Amino acid sequence: MALAAGAPWGEASFGGSNPGVLPASLRTNSAIAVVVYVLLAAVAGTRWTGAMLRRRLLYGAAALMVIGTVVNVASPSFLERIVGTPVTIALVIALWRAARHASLSNVSRNEGGIAHRVV
């Protein structure tokens, strides 16, 4: 959110090729990322979706964060490697654990297609 608002942290993001305030296109990308993260948090923390879809979204987000970790490790920006890498690793772990949480386990489908907990 801070990058989108114009914080001078360009050296720590997007490969570090834009020291200072990011150009408008990358600030827009940062704003879109904020929206995606907020929606992901809402899906993870609410029951907007069924348990099966929520689990799949969380596993998918974890997989994308693995890719993000690799990108951060390979970044030419020292700050991005030192800050971004541990953050994305923490996100991978948190998303994976959330996807495996007991509240999303033991869900099956009955013949009518309605999800219910198996007791």
N, C-alpha and C. Protein backbone atom coordinates (compact mmCIF):
# COMPACT_ATOMS: atom_id res chain seq x y z
N MET A 1 0.83 -1.17 0.00
CA MET A 1 0.00 0.00 0.00
C MET A 1 0.88 1.25 0.00
N ALA A 2 1.96 1.17 0.74
CA ALA A 2 2.86 2.33 0.82
C ALA A 2 3.52 2.59 -0.53
N LEU A 3 3.90 1.55 -1.24
CA LEU A 3 4.49 1.74 -2.57
C LEU A 3 3.50 2.40 -3.52
N ALA A 4 2.26 1.94 -3.47
CA ALA A 4 1.21 2.51 -4.32
C ALA A 4 0.96 3.98 -3.99
N ALA A 5 1.13 4.32 -2.71
CA ALA A 5 0.90 5.70 -2.27
C ALA A 5 2.09 6.62 -2.53
N GLY A 6 3.20 6.04 -2.99
CA GLY A 6 4.35 6.87 -3.34
C GLY A 6 5.50 6.84 -2.37
N ALA A 7 5.56 5.83 -1.51
CA ALA A 7 6.70 5.71 -0.60
C ALA A 7 7.98 5.49 -1.43
N PRO A 8 9.09 6.06 -1.03
CA PRO A 8 10.33 5.97 -1.82
C PRO A 8 11.10 4.67 -1.59
N TRP A 9 10.43 3.54 -1.78
CA TRP A 9 11.03 2.23 -1.52
C TRP A 9 11.26 1.43 -2.80
N GLY A 10 11.41 2.11 -3.91
CA GLY A 10 11.58 1.42 -5.18
C GLY A 10 12.78 0.51 -5.23
N GLU A 11 13.82 0.83 -4.48
CA GLU A 11 15.02 0.00 -4.46
C GLU A 11 14.75 -1.37 -3.84
N ALA A 12 13.70 -1.48 -3.03
CA ALA A 12 13.38 -2.74 -2.34
C ALA A 12 12.27 -3.51 -3.03
N SER A 13 11.87 -3.11 -4.24
CA SER A 13 10.77 -3.79 -4.92
C SER A 13 11.00 -3.81 -6.43
N PHE A 14 10.31 -4.71 -7.08
CA PHE A 14 10.36 -4.83 -8.54
C PHE A 14 11.79 -4.87 -9.07
N GLY A 15 12.65 -5.62 -8.41
CA GLY A 15 14.03 -5.78 -8.85
C GLY A 15 14.95 -4.64 -8.49
N GLY A 16 14.43 -3.61 -7.85
CA GLY A 16 15.26 -2.50 -7.40
C GLY A 16 15.71 -1.57 -8.51
N SER A 17 15.13 -1.70 -9.68
CA SER A 17 15.59 -0.89 -10.81
C SER A 17 15.03 0.53 -10.81
N ASN A 18 14.16 0.84 -9.87
CA ASN A 18 13.56 2.17 -9.78
C ASN A 18 13.74 2.74 -8.38
N PRO A 19 14.96 3.21 -8.04
CA PRO A 19 15.15 3.77 -6.70
C PRO A 19 14.24 4.98 -6.48
N GLY A 20 13.82 5.14 -5.26
CA GLY A 20 12.90 6.24 -4.95
C GLY A 20 11.47 5.82 -5.19
N VAL A 21 10.65 6.77 -5.58
CA VAL A 21 9.23 6.52 -5.84
C VAL A 21 9.09 5.73 -7.14
N LEU A 22 8.25 4.72 -7.12
CA LEU A 22 8.03 3.92 -8.33
C LEU A 22 7.32 4.73 -9.41
N PRO A 23 7.54 4.38 -10.68
CA PRO A 23 6.76 5.02 -11.75
C PRO A 23 5.28 4.64 -11.63
N ALA A 24 4.44 5.39 -12.29
CA ALA A 24 2.98 5.21 -12.16
C ALA A 24 2.53 3.78 -12.46
N SER A 25 3.10 3.15 -13.47
CA SER A 25 2.66 1.79 -13.82
C SER A 25 2.96 0.79 -12.70
N LEU A 26 4.11 0.91 -12.07
CA LEU A 26 4.44 0.00 -10.97
C LEU A 26 3.67 0.36 -9.70
N ARG A 27 3.34 1.62 -9.54
CA ARG A 27 2.48 2.00 -8.40
C ARG A 27 1.09 1.40 -8.60
N THR A 28 0.62 1.36 -9.83
CA THR A 28 -0.66 0.72 -10.12
C THR A 28 -0.59 -0.77 -9.84
N ASN A 29 0.52 -1.41 -10.24
CA ASN A 29 0.70 -2.83 -9.93
C ASN A 29 0.68 -3.07 -8.42
N SER A 30 1.30 -2.19 -7.68
CA SER A 30 1.31 -2.32 -6.22
C SER A 30 -0.10 -2.18 -5.65
N ALA A 31 -0.88 -1.25 -6.18
CA ALA A 31 -2.26 -1.06 -5.72
C ALA A 31 -3.10 -2.30 -6.03
N ILE A 32 -2.90 -2.89 -7.20
CA ILE A 32 -3.63 -4.12 -7.55
C ILE A 32 -3.23 -5.24 -6.60
N ALA A 33 -1.95 -5.32 -6.27
CA ALA A 33 -1.49 -6.36 -5.34
C ALA A 33 -2.15 -6.20 -3.98
N VAL A 34 -2.33 -4.96 -3.52
CA VAL A 34 -3.01 -4.71 -2.25
C VAL A 34 -4.43 -5.28 -2.30
N VAL A 35 -5.14 -5.02 -3.38
CA VAL A 35 -6.51 -5.53 -3.52
C VAL A 35 -6.51 -7.05 -3.50
N VAL A 36 -5.57 -7.67 -4.21
CA VAL A 36 -5.49 -9.14 -4.25
C VAL A 36 -5.22 -9.69 -2.86
N TYR A 37 -4.28 -9.08 -2.13
CA TYR A 37 -3.97 -9.55 -0.78
C TYR A 37 -5.16 -9.39 0.17
N VAL A 38 -5.88 -8.30 0.05
CA VAL A 38 -7.07 -8.09 0.90
C VAL A 38 -8.14 -9.13 0.58
N LEU A 39 -8.36 -9.40 -0.70
CA LEU A 39 -9.33 -10.43 -1.08
C LEU A 39 -8.90 -11.81 -0.59
N LEU A 40 -7.61 -12.12 -0.70
CA LEU A 40 -7.11 -13.39 -0.21
C LEU A 40 -7.30 -13.51 1.29
N ALA A 41 -7.04 -12.44 2.02
CA ALA A 41 -7.25 -12.44 3.47
C ALA A 41 -8.73 -12.63 3.80
N ALA A 42 -9.60 -12.00 3.02
CA ALA A 42 -11.04 -12.15 3.24
C ALA A 42 -11.48 -13.58 2.98
N VAL A 43 -10.97 -14.18 1.93
CA VAL A 43 -11.31 -15.58 1.63
C VAL A 43 -10.80 -16.49 2.74
N ALA A 44 -9.59 -16.25 3.20
CA ALA A 44 -9.00 -17.10 4.24
C ALA A 44 -9.69 -16.92 5.58
N GLY A 45 -10.12 -15.71 5.88
CA GLY A 45 -10.64 -15.42 7.21
C GLY A 45 -12.15 -15.40 7.34
N THR A 46 -12.86 -15.66 6.26
CA THR A 46 -14.31 -15.66 6.31
C THR A 46 -14.85 -16.92 5.64
N ARG A 47 -16.14 -17.02 5.59
CA ARG A 47 -16.76 -18.16 4.91
C ARG A 47 -17.47 -17.71 3.64
N TRP A 48 -16.85 -16.76 2.94
CA TRP A 48 -17.42 -16.28 1.67
C TRP A 48 -17.52 -17.41 0.66
N THR A 49 -16.57 -18.33 0.72
CA THR A 49 -16.55 -19.44 -0.22
C THR A 49 -16.70 -20.73 0.56
N GLY A 50 -16.99 -21.80 -0.13
CA GLY A 50 -17.05 -23.10 0.50
C GLY A 50 -15.65 -23.54 0.92
N ALA A 51 -15.60 -24.53 1.78
CA ALA A 51 -14.32 -24.99 2.32
C ALA A 51 -13.41 -25.53 1.22
N MET A 52 -13.96 -26.27 0.27
CA MET A 52 -13.12 -26.84 -0.78
C MET A 52 -12.50 -25.74 -1.65
N LEU A 53 -13.29 -24.76 -2.05
CA LEU A 53 -12.76 -23.66 -2.86
C LEU A 53 -11.75 -22.85 -2.06
N ARG A 54 -12.06 -22.60 -0.80
CA ARG A 54 -11.13 -21.85 0.05
C ARG A 54 -9.79 -22.58 0.15
N ARG A 55 -9.85 -23.89 0.36
CA ARG A 55 -8.62 -24.68 0.45
C ARG A 55 -7.83 -24.58 -0.86
N ARG A 56 -8.50 -24.70 -1.98
CA ARG A 56 -7.81 -24.62 -3.28
C ARG A 56 -7.20 -23.25 -3.50
N LEU A 57 -7.93 -22.20 -3.14
CA LEU A 57 -7.39 -20.85 -3.29
C LEU A 57 -6.16 -20.65 -2.42
N LEU A 58 -6.20 -21.16 -1.21
CA LEU A 58 -5.05 -21.02 -0.31
C LEU A 58 -3.85 -21.82 -0.81
N TYR A 59 -4.07 -23.04 -1.29
CA TYR A 59 -2.97 -23.81 -1.87
C TYR A 59 -2.41 -23.12 -3.11
N GLY A 60 -3.30 -22.57 -3.95
CA GLY A 60 -2.85 -21.86 -5.14
C GLY A 60 -2.03 -20.64 -4.79
N ALA A 61 -2.49 -19.89 -3.80
CA ALA A 61 -1.75 -18.70 -3.36
C ALA A 61 -0.39 -19.10 -2.78
N ALA A 62 -0.35 -20.21 -2.05
CA ALA A 62 0.92 -20.70 -1.50
C ALA A 62 1.88 -21.04 -2.64
N ALA A 63 1.37 -21.69 -3.68
CA ALA A 63 2.21 -22.03 -4.83
C ALA A 63 2.75 -20.76 -5.51
N LEU A 64 1.90 -19.75 -5.65
CA LEU A 64 2.36 -18.49 -6.25
C LEU A 64 3.41 -17.82 -5.37
N MET A 65 3.27 -17.94 -4.06
CA MET A 65 4.26 -17.35 -3.17
C MET A 65 5.59 -18.10 -3.23
N VAL A 66 5.56 -19.40 -3.56
CA VAL A 66 6.82 -20.13 -3.79
C VAL A 66 7.53 -19.50 -4.98
N ILE A 67 6.77 -19.22 -6.04
CA ILE A 67 7.36 -18.55 -7.20
C ILE A 67 7.88 -17.18 -6.80
N GLY A 68 7.11 -16.45 -5.98
CA GLY A 68 7.56 -15.15 -5.49
C GLY A 68 8.84 -15.24 -4.68
N THR A 69 8.99 -16.31 -3.92
CA THR A 69 10.22 -16.51 -3.15
C THR A 69 11.41 -16.68 -4.08
N VAL A 70 11.22 -17.49 -5.11
CA VAL A 70 12.30 -17.71 -6.08
C VAL A 70 12.67 -16.39 -6.77
N VAL A 71 11.66 -15.62 -7.14
CA VAL A 71 11.91 -14.33 -7.78
C VAL A 71 12.66 -13.40 -6.84
N ASN A 72 12.28 -13.37 -5.57
CA ASN A 72 12.97 -12.51 -4.60
C ASN A 72 14.41 -12.96 -4.38
N VAL A 73 14.64 -14.26 -4.33
CA VAL A 73 16.00 -14.76 -4.16
C VAL A 73 16.87 -14.36 -5.35
N ALA A 74 16.28 -14.37 -6.55
CA ALA A 74 17.03 -14.05 -7.77
C ALA A 74 17.11 -12.56 -8.06
N SER A 75 16.48 -11.74 -7.26
CA SER A 75 16.43 -10.29 -7.53
C SER A 75 17.82 -9.67 -7.45
N PRO A 76 18.10 -8.72 -8.34
CA PRO A 76 19.36 -7.99 -8.23
C PRO A 76 19.38 -7.02 -7.05
N SER A 77 18.23 -6.75 -6.47
CA SER A 77 18.14 -5.82 -5.35
C SER A 77 18.48 -6.54 -4.04
N PHE A 78 19.51 -6.07 -3.36
CA PHE A 78 19.87 -6.64 -2.06
C PHE A 78 18.72 -6.52 -1.07
N LEU A 79 18.08 -5.34 -1.04
CA LEU A 79 16.96 -5.14 -0.11
C LEU A 79 15.82 -6.09 -0.39
N GLU A 80 15.53 -6.31 -1.64
CA GLU A 80 14.44 -7.23 -1.98
C GLU A 80 14.79 -8.66 -1.56
N ARG A 81 16.04 -9.04 -1.73
CA ARG A 81 16.45 -10.39 -1.31
C ARG A 81 16.38 -10.53 0.20
N ILE A 82 16.86 -9.52 0.93
CA ILE A 82 16.96 -9.62 2.39
C ILE A 82 15.62 -9.43 3.09
N VAL A 83 14.71 -8.65 2.50
CA VAL A 83 13.40 -8.40 3.11
C VAL A 83 12.32 -9.25 2.44
N GLY A 84 12.28 -9.24 1.14
CA GLY A 84 11.22 -9.93 0.41
C GLY A 84 11.25 -11.44 0.55
N THR A 85 12.45 -12.02 0.55
CA THR A 85 12.56 -13.47 0.64
C THR A 85 11.96 -14.03 1.93
N PRO A 86 12.35 -13.53 3.11
CA PRO A 86 11.73 -14.08 4.32
C PRO A 86 10.23 -13.82 4.40
N VAL A 87 9.79 -12.68 3.88
CA VAL A 87 8.35 -12.38 3.91
C VAL A 87 7.58 -13.38 3.06
N THR A 88 8.06 -13.65 1.85
CA THR A 88 7.34 -14.60 0.99
C THR A 88 7.43 -16.02 1.54
N ILE A 89 8.54 -16.37 2.17
CA ILE A 89 8.63 -17.70 2.81
C ILE A 89 7.59 -17.79 3.93
N ALA A 90 7.47 -16.73 4.72
CA ALA A 90 6.46 -16.73 5.80
C ALA A 90 5.05 -16.84 5.22
N LEU A 91 4.80 -16.18 4.09
CA LEU A 91 3.49 -16.28 3.45
C LEU A 91 3.23 -17.69 2.95
N VAL A 92 4.23 -18.33 2.38
CA VAL A 92 4.06 -19.72 1.93
C VAL A 92 3.64 -20.59 3.10
N ILE A 93 4.36 -20.47 4.20
CA ILE A 93 4.06 -21.29 5.38
C ILE A 93 2.67 -20.99 5.92
N ALA A 94 2.34 -19.71 6.05
CA ALA A 94 1.03 -19.33 6.59
C ALA A 94 -0.11 -19.80 5.69
N LEU A 95 0.04 -19.62 4.38
CA LEU A 95 -1.02 -20.04 3.45
C LEU A 95 -1.16 -21.55 3.43
N TRP A 96 -0.05 -22.27 3.45
CA TRP A 96 -0.10 -23.73 3.45
C TRP A 96 -0.76 -24.24 4.72
N ARG A 97 -0.38 -23.66 5.86
CA ARG A 97 -0.99 -24.08 7.13
C ARG A 97 -2.47 -23.75 7.16
N ALA A 98 -2.85 -22.59 6.63
CA ALA A 98 -4.26 -22.21 6.59
C ALA A 98 -5.04 -23.19 5.71
N ALA A 99 -4.46 -23.59 4.58
CA ALA A 99 -5.14 -24.53 3.69
C ALA A 99 -5.32 -25.89 4.35
N ARG A 100 -4.42 -26.25 5.24
CA ARG A 100 -4.48 -27.55 5.91
C ARG A 100 -5.20 -27.48 7.26
N HIS A 101 -5.73 -26.33 7.60
CA HIS A 101 -6.38 -26.14 8.89
C HIS A 101 -7.56 -27.10 9.05
N ALA A 102 -7.80 -27.51 10.27
CA ALA A 102 -8.86 -28.47 10.56
C ALA A 102 -10.24 -27.99 10.12
N SER A 103 -10.45 -26.69 10.10
CA SER A 103 -11.76 -26.18 9.70
C SER A 103 -12.04 -26.44 8.22
N LEU A 104 -11.01 -26.73 7.46
CA LEU A 104 -11.18 -27.03 6.03
C LEU A 104 -11.04 -28.51 5.75
N SER A 105 -10.71 -29.28 6.77
CA SER A 105 -10.56 -30.72 6.62
C SER A 105 -11.89 -31.41 6.90
N ASN A 106 -11.92 -32.67 6.64
CA ASN A 106 -13.11 -33.50 6.91
C ASN A 106 -14.35 -32.97 6.20
N VAL A 107 -14.15 -32.36 5.06
CA VAL A 107 -15.28 -31.88 4.27
C VAL A 107 -15.49 -32.87 3.14
N SER A 108 -16.69 -33.29 2.98
CA SER A 108 -17.01 -34.19 1.88
C SER A 108 -18.24 -33.69 1.17
N ARG A 109 -18.55 -34.27 0.06
CA ARG A 109 -19.73 -33.90 -0.72
C ARG A 109 -20.74 -35.04 -0.63
N ASN A 110 -21.97 -34.68 -0.33
CA ASN A 110 -22.99 -35.71 -0.36
C ASN A 110 -23.52 -35.81 -1.78
N GLU A 111 -24.46 -36.67 -2.01
CA GLU A 111 -24.95 -36.88 -3.37
C GLU A 111 -25.63 -35.65 -3.94
N GLY A 112 -26.14 -34.78 -3.10
CA GLY A 112 -26.81 -33.58 -3.57
C GLY A 112 -25.85 -32.45 -3.89
N GLY A 113 -24.56 -32.63 -3.63
CA GLY A 113 -23.56 -31.61 -3.94
C GLY A 113 -23.42 -30.55 -2.88
N ILE A 114 -24.02 -30.74 -1.71
CA ILE A 114 -23.91 -29.77 -0.64
C ILE A 114 -22.79 -30.21 0.30
N ALA A 115 -21.88 -29.31 0.59
CA ALA A 115 -20.77 -29.66 1.47
C ALA A 115 -21.26 -29.77 2.90
N HIS A 116 -20.75 -30.74 3.64
CA HIS A 116 -21.06 -30.86 5.04
C HIS A 116 -19.88 -31.49 5.75
N ARG A 117 -19.83 -31.32 7.04
CA ARG A 117 -18.76 -31.90 7.84
C ARG A 117 -19.06 -33.36 8.12
N VAL A 118 -18.03 -34.16 8.04
CA VAL A 118 -18.16 -35.56 8.40
C VAL A 118 -17.90 -35.67 9.89
N VAL A 119 -18.84 -36.27 10.60
CA VAL A 119 -18.72 -36.37 12.06
C VAL A 119 -18.09 -37.68 12.44
